[in-house]
Amino acid sequence: MKRTTVKLPDDLDARLRHEARRRGTTISQVTREAINDHLGGERRRLGAAAAGRSGRRDVSERIEEILREELSL
C-alpha cells in the first residue's frame, strides 16, 4: 500500500475526523473509501435498474426520486 500526503482545509479535515470517529474506524479507511467511491472503483448496482420489473406503473414518472433515494444510501 502506498502512503500519500494530502493537504486539506481545516473544515474538511474536521469533517473527515468526525466521520472516522462516528464509524469507529481510521481516517485512512474513510479516505480510501471516499476516493474509491468517487473514482468508481467498486461500482454498486442501483436497485432502480430493475424498476421495469417492479410491477409499479409510476416508475417513469418517479425516476428522479427513485435515483435520488438509491444514490443517497
C-alpha atoms as a PDB file:
ATOM      1  CA  MET A   1       0.000   0.000   0.000  1.00  0.00           C
ATOM      2  CA  LYS A   2       1.297   3.477  -0.860  1.00  0.00           C
ATOM      3  CA  ARG A   3       1.368   6.439   1.523  1.00  0.00           C
ATOM      4  CA  THR A   4       0.064   9.757   0.171  1.00  0.00           C
ATOM      5  CA  THR A   5       0.052  13.163   1.831  1.00  0.00           C
ATOM      6  CA  VAL A   6      -2.903  15.437   1.153  1.00  0.00           C
ATOM      7  CA  LYS A   7      -3.407  18.992   2.377  1.00  0.00           C
ATOM      8  CA  LEU A   8      -6.985  19.659   3.487  1.00  0.00           C
ATOM      9  CA  PRO A   9      -8.751  22.829   4.561  1.00  0.00           C
ATOM     10  CA  ASP A  10      -9.458  22.867   8.299  1.00  0.00           C
ATOM     11  CA  ASP A  11     -13.212  22.382   7.866  1.00  0.00           C
ATOM     12  CA  LEU A  12     -12.781  19.320   5.612  1.00  0.00           C
ATOM     13  CA  ASP A  13     -10.219  17.822   7.995  1.00  0.00           C
ATOM     14  CA  ALA A  14     -12.656  18.266  10.884  1.00  0.00           C
ATOM     15  CA  ARG A  15     -15.452  16.580   8.908  1.00  0.00           C
ATOM     16  CA  LEU A  16     -13.154  13.702   7.964  1.00  0.00           C
ATOM     17  CA  ARG A  17     -12.064  13.166  11.576  1.00  0.00           C
ATOM     18  CA  HIS A  18     -15.662  13.353  12.785  1.00  0.00           C
ATOM     19  CA  GLU A  19     -16.751  10.745  10.226  1.00  0.00           C
ATOM     20  CA  ALA A  20     -13.932   8.390  11.210  1.00  0.00           C
ATOM     21  CA  ARG A  21     -14.895   8.694  14.898  1.00  0.00           C
ATOM     22  CA  ARG A  22     -18.574   8.205  14.067  1.00  0.00           C
ATOM     23  CA  ARG A  23     -17.809   4.993  12.172  1.00  0.00           C
ATOM     24  CA  GLY A  24     -15.244   3.797  14.693  1.00  0.00           C
ATOM     25  CA  THR A  25     -12.568   3.462  12.014  1.00  0.00           C
ATOM     26  CA  THR A  26      -9.448   5.247  10.843  1.00  0.00           C
ATOM     27  CA  ILE A  27      -9.126   8.451   8.872  1.00  0.00           C
ATOM     28  CA  SER A  28      -7.196   6.442   6.279  1.00  0.00           C
ATOM     29  CA  GLN A  29     -10.075   3.993   5.825  1.00  0.00           C
ATOM     30  CA  VAL A  30     -12.660   6.751   5.392  1.00  0.00           C
ATOM     31  CA  THR A  31     -10.347   8.488   2.906  1.00  0.00           C
ATOM     32  CA  ARG A  32      -9.762   5.284   0.905  1.00  0.00           C
ATOM     33  CA  GLU A  33     -13.500   4.610   0.733  1.00  0.00           C
ATOM     34  CA  ALA A  34     -14.282   8.180  -0.346  1.00  0.00           C
ATOM     35  CA  ILE A  35     -11.659   8.120  -3.090  1.00  0.00           C
ATOM     36  CA  ASN A  36     -12.764   4.679  -4.248  1.00  0.00           C
ATOM     37  CA  ASP A  37     -16.411   5.785  -4.369  1.00  0.00           C
ATOM     38  CA  HIS A  38     -15.509   8.977  -6.213  1.00  0.00           C
ATOM     39  CA  LEU A  39     -13.367   7.210  -8.792  1.00  0.00           C
ATOM     40  CA  GLY A  40     -15.850   4.369  -9.233  1.00  0.00           C
ATOM     41  CA  GLY A  41     -13.572   1.562  -8.074  1.00  0.00           C
ATOM     42  CA  GLU A  42     -16.241  -0.869  -6.961  1.00  0.00           C
ATOM     43  CA  ARG A  43     -19.411   0.073  -8.726  1.00  0.00           C
ATOM     44  CA  ARG A  44     -22.591  -0.663  -6.876  1.00  0.00           C
ATOM     45  CA  ARG A  45     -25.719  -1.732  -8.673  1.00  0.00           C
ATOM     46  CA  LEU A  46     -28.662   0.559  -8.444  1.00  0.00           C
ATOM     47  CA  GLY A  47     -31.896  -1.027  -7.332  1.00  0.00           C
ATOM     48  CA  ALA A  48     -33.622   1.283  -9.804  1.00  0.00           C
ATOM     49  CA  ALA A  49     -32.011  -0.699 -12.624  1.00  0.00           C
ATOM     50  CA  ALA A  50     -34.687  -3.351 -12.153  1.00  0.00           C
ATOM     51  CA  ALA A  51     -37.500  -0.826 -11.864  1.00  0.00           C
ATOM     52  CA  GLY A  52     -39.065  -2.069 -15.102  1.00  0.00           C
ATOM     53  CA  ARG A  53     -39.944  -5.324 -13.358  1.00  0.00           C
ATOM     54  CA  SER A  54     -41.273  -3.736 -10.197  1.00  0.00           C
ATOM     55  CA  GLY A  55     -44.930  -4.072 -11.087  1.00  0.00           C
ATOM     56  CA  ARG A  56     -45.415  -0.367 -10.390  1.00  0.00           C
ATOM     57  CA  ARG A  57     -46.850   1.834 -13.077  1.00  0.00           C
ATOM     58  CA  ASP A  58     -45.425   5.176 -11.906  1.00  0.00           C
ATOM     59  CA  VAL A  59     -41.697   4.386 -12.176  1.00  0.00           C
ATOM     60  CA  SER A  60     -41.117   6.517 -15.258  1.00  0.00           C
ATOM     61  CA  GLU A  61     -42.774   9.457 -13.527  1.00  0.00           C
ATOM     62  CA  ARG A  62     -40.785   8.947 -10.305  1.00  0.00           C
ATOM     63  CA  ILE A  63     -37.380   8.002 -11.760  1.00  0.00           C
ATOM     64  CA  GLU A  64     -35.603  11.129 -10.441  1.00  0.00           C
ATOM     65  CA  GLU A  65     -36.940  10.485  -6.929  1.00  0.00           C
ATOM     66  CA  ILE A  66     -36.007   6.791  -7.115  1.00  0.00           C
ATOM     67  CA  LEU A  67     -32.462   7.557  -8.247  1.00  0.00           C
ATOM     68  CA  ARG A  68     -32.009  10.192  -5.514  1.00  0.00           C
ATOM     69  CA  GLU A  69     -33.037   7.607  -2.927  1.00  0.00           C
ATOM     70  CA  GLU A  70     -30.722   4.956  -4.387  1.00  0.00           C
ATOM     71  CA  LEU A  71     -27.710   7.251  -4.574  1.00  0.00           C
ATOM     72  CA  SER A  72     -28.126   8.586  -1.055  1.00  0.00           C
ATOM     73  CA  LEU A  73     -27.649   5.141   0.530  1.00  0.00           C
END
